[in-house]
Amino acid sequence: MLKVFGQAGAGLFAAHDVIEKEVRRQYGVRVIGRIDSVQERFYAISVERKVKHPAVVAIADAAREKLFD
């Protein structure tokens, strides 16, 4: 709902800067400010204690590099 109100010019919502370009394109919105103190956590849930599948390892490594470097 926040995105709908924001898109209509009746509110605002937060989005990660990694997806800023896509959010701006999709919703036709603009950046009005930035908050450096907000933190997000991402979890990958697996039935295995340690991820072993090469494709899953590659995806996790790429996400870690893209999001946290």
N, C-alpha and C. Protein backbone atom coordinates (compact mmCIF):
# COMPACT_ATOMS: atom_id res chain seq x y z
N MET A 1 0.82 -1.18 0.00
CA MET A 1 0.00 0.00 0.00
C MET A 1 0.87 1.26 0.00
N LEU A 2 1.99 1.20 0.72
CA LEU A 2 2.86 2.38 0.75
C LEU A 2 3.35 2.73 -0.65
N LYS A 3 3.68 1.72 -1.44
CA LYS A 3 4.15 1.98 -2.80
C LYS A 3 3.05 2.58 -3.66
N VAL A 4 1.83 2.12 -3.48
CA VAL A 4 0.70 2.66 -4.25
C VAL A 4 0.47 4.12 -3.89
N PHE A 5 0.47 4.43 -2.60
CA PHE A 5 0.30 5.83 -2.17
C PHE A 5 1.46 6.68 -2.67
N GLY A 6 2.68 6.16 -2.57
CA GLY A 6 3.85 6.89 -3.06
C GLY A 6 3.77 7.16 -4.54
N GLN A 7 3.34 6.15 -5.29
CA GLN A 7 3.21 6.30 -6.74
C GLN A 7 2.16 7.36 -7.08
N ALA A 8 1.13 7.45 -6.27
CA ALA A 8 0.06 8.43 -6.52
C ALA A 8 0.41 9.82 -5.99
N GLY A 9 1.57 9.94 -5.36
CA GLY A 9 1.97 11.24 -4.83
C GLY A 9 1.36 11.54 -3.48
N ALA A 10 0.81 10.51 -2.81
CA ALA A 10 0.14 10.72 -1.54
C ALA A 10 0.91 10.12 -0.37
N GLY A 11 2.18 9.87 -0.54
CA GLY A 11 2.96 9.28 0.54
C GLY A 11 4.36 8.98 0.08
N LEU A 12 5.09 8.27 0.93
CA LEU A 12 6.45 7.90 0.57
C LEU A 12 6.75 6.52 1.11
N PHE A 13 7.80 5.91 0.59
CA PHE A 13 8.19 4.59 1.03
C PHE A 13 9.70 4.46 0.90
N ALA A 14 10.24 3.51 1.61
CA ALA A 14 11.68 3.27 1.58
C ALA A 14 12.00 2.13 0.62
N ALA A 15 13.14 2.24 -0.03
CA ALA A 15 13.63 1.18 -0.92
C ALA A 15 15.15 1.20 -0.87
N HIS A 16 15.74 0.04 -1.01
CA HIS A 16 17.19 -0.07 -0.97
C HIS A 16 17.80 0.58 -2.22
N ASP A 17 18.95 1.22 -2.06
CA ASP A 17 19.57 1.89 -3.20
C ASP A 17 20.04 0.93 -4.29
N VAL A 18 20.17 -0.36 -3.96
CA VAL A 18 20.55 -1.35 -4.97
C VAL A 18 19.47 -1.45 -6.05
N ILE A 19 18.21 -1.24 -5.67
CA ILE A 19 17.11 -1.34 -6.63
C ILE A 19 16.51 0.03 -6.99
N GLU A 20 17.21 1.09 -6.67
CA GLU A 20 16.67 2.44 -6.89
C GLU A 20 16.24 2.69 -8.33
N LYS A 21 17.09 2.35 -9.28
CA LYS A 21 16.77 2.62 -10.68
C LYS A 21 15.49 1.90 -11.11
N GLU A 22 15.34 0.64 -10.70
CA GLU A 22 14.15 -0.13 -11.06
C GLU A 22 12.90 0.43 -10.38
N VAL A 23 13.01 0.80 -9.11
CA VAL A 23 11.86 1.36 -8.39
C VAL A 23 11.43 2.68 -9.03
N ARG A 24 12.39 3.51 -9.38
CA ARG A 24 12.07 4.79 -10.03
C ARG A 24 11.36 4.56 -11.36
N ARG A 25 11.85 3.59 -12.13
CA ARG A 25 11.23 3.29 -13.43
C ARG A 25 9.84 2.69 -13.25
N GLN A 26 9.71 1.71 -12.39
CA GLN A 26 8.46 0.98 -12.23
C GLN A 26 7.34 1.84 -11.64
N TYR A 27 7.68 2.66 -10.65
CA TYR A 27 6.65 3.42 -9.95
C TYR A 27 6.58 4.89 -10.35
N GLY A 28 7.52 5.34 -11.17
CA GLY A 28 7.49 6.74 -11.60
C GLY A 28 7.69 7.69 -10.44
N VAL A 29 8.58 7.33 -9.53
CA VAL A 29 8.81 8.15 -8.33
C VAL A 29 10.22 8.74 -8.38
N ARG A 30 10.51 9.59 -7.39
CA ARG A 30 11.84 10.19 -7.32
C ARG A 30 12.36 10.08 -5.89
N VAL A 31 13.67 10.16 -5.76
CA VAL A 31 14.31 10.11 -4.45
C VAL A 31 14.17 11.48 -3.79
N ILE A 32 13.71 11.47 -2.52
CA ILE A 32 13.61 12.74 -1.80
C ILE A 32 14.57 12.79 -0.63
N GLY A 33 15.24 11.68 -0.35
CA GLY A 33 16.20 11.66 0.75
C GLY A 33 16.80 10.28 0.92
N ARG A 34 17.82 10.22 1.74
CA ARG A 34 18.49 8.95 2.03
C ARG A 34 18.68 8.82 3.53
N ILE A 35 18.61 7.59 4.00
CA ILE A 35 18.81 7.31 5.42
C ILE A 35 19.95 6.29 5.50
N ASP A 36 21.07 6.71 6.05
CA ASP A 36 22.24 5.84 6.13
C ASP A 36 22.17 4.86 7.30
N SER A 37 21.36 5.13 8.28
CA SER A 37 21.37 4.32 9.49
C SER A 37 20.46 3.09 9.42
N VAL A 38 19.68 2.93 8.38
CA VAL A 38 18.79 1.78 8.25
C VAL A 38 19.59 0.57 7.79
N GLN A 39 19.34 -0.58 8.40
CA GLN A 39 20.03 -1.81 8.02
C GLN A 39 19.02 -2.86 7.64
N GLU A 40 19.36 -3.68 6.65
CA GLU A 40 18.53 -4.80 6.23
C GLU A 40 19.32 -6.08 6.43
N ARG A 41 18.60 -7.16 6.66
CA ARG A 41 19.23 -8.47 6.75
C ARG A 41 18.56 -9.39 5.76
N PHE A 42 19.36 -10.19 5.11
CA PHE A 42 18.87 -11.16 4.14
C PHE A 42 19.26 -12.55 4.62
N TYR A 43 18.36 -13.49 4.48
CA TYR A 43 18.61 -14.85 4.93
C TYR A 43 18.37 -15.82 3.78
N ALA A 44 19.25 -16.78 3.67
CA ALA A 44 19.06 -17.90 2.75
C ALA A 44 18.82 -19.13 3.62
N ILE A 45 17.68 -19.73 3.45
CA ILE A 45 17.31 -20.87 4.28
C ILE A 45 17.52 -22.15 3.48
N SER A 46 18.22 -23.08 4.10
CA SER A 46 18.55 -24.34 3.44
C SER A 46 18.32 -25.48 4.41
N VAL A 47 17.97 -26.64 3.87
CA VAL A 47 17.81 -27.81 4.73
C VAL A 47 19.18 -28.35 5.15
N GLU A 48 20.20 -28.02 4.36
CA GLU A 48 21.55 -28.45 4.69
C GLU A 48 22.22 -27.43 5.61
N ARG A 49 23.09 -27.90 6.45
CA ARG A 49 23.80 -27.01 7.35
C ARG A 49 24.74 -26.09 6.57
N LYS A 50 25.38 -26.61 5.55
CA LYS A 50 26.29 -25.83 4.72
C LYS A 50 25.87 -26.01 3.26
N VAL A 51 25.76 -24.91 2.54
CA VAL A 51 25.35 -24.96 1.14
C VAL A 51 26.46 -25.62 0.33
N LYS A 52 26.08 -26.61 -0.47
CA LYS A 52 27.07 -27.36 -1.24
C LYS A 52 26.85 -27.26 -2.74
N HIS A 53 25.61 -27.05 -3.16
CA HIS A 53 25.32 -27.04 -4.60
C HIS A 53 26.05 -25.87 -5.26
N PRO A 54 26.81 -26.13 -6.32
CA PRO A 54 27.63 -25.07 -6.95
C PRO A 54 26.81 -23.86 -7.42
N ALA A 55 25.61 -24.08 -7.93
CA ALA A 55 24.79 -22.96 -8.40
C ALA A 55 24.33 -22.09 -7.22
N VAL A 56 23.94 -22.73 -6.13
CA VAL A 56 23.49 -21.99 -4.96
C VAL A 56 24.65 -21.23 -4.33
N VAL A 57 25.82 -21.86 -4.29
CA VAL A 57 27.01 -21.20 -3.77
C VAL A 57 27.34 -19.97 -4.61
N ALA A 58 27.25 -20.09 -5.94
CA ALA A 58 27.54 -18.97 -6.84
C ALA A 58 26.55 -17.83 -6.64
N ILE A 59 25.28 -18.14 -6.50
CA ILE A 59 24.26 -17.11 -6.28
C ILE A 59 24.50 -16.40 -4.95
N ALA A 60 24.76 -17.16 -3.91
CA ALA A 60 25.00 -16.57 -2.59
C ALA A 60 26.24 -15.68 -2.60
N ASP A 61 27.31 -16.15 -3.23
CA ASP A 61 28.53 -15.35 -3.32
C ASP A 61 28.31 -14.06 -4.10
N ALA A 62 27.60 -14.15 -5.23
CA ALA A 62 27.33 -12.97 -6.06
C ALA A 62 26.48 -11.95 -5.30
N ALA A 63 25.47 -12.46 -4.58
CA ALA A 63 24.60 -11.57 -3.81
C ALA A 63 25.40 -10.89 -2.70
N ARG A 64 26.24 -11.65 -2.04
CA ARG A 64 27.07 -11.10 -0.97
C ARG A 64 27.96 -9.98 -1.50
N GLU A 65 28.58 -10.20 -2.66
CA GLU A 65 29.47 -9.19 -3.25
C GLU A 65 28.68 -7.96 -3.69
N LYS A 66 27.55 -8.17 -4.34
CA LYS A 66 26.75 -7.05 -4.87
C LYS A 66 26.15 -6.20 -3.75
N LEU A 67 25.66 -6.86 -2.72
CA LEU A 67 24.95 -6.14 -1.67
C LEU A 67 25.85 -5.57 -0.59
N PHE A 68 26.98 -6.21 -0.32
CA PHE A 68 27.75 -5.83 0.85
C PHE A 68 29.13 -5.28 0.56
N ASP A 69 29.53 -5.15 -0.68
CA ASP A 69 30.84 -4.58 -0.99
C ASP A 69 30.73 -3.18 -1.54
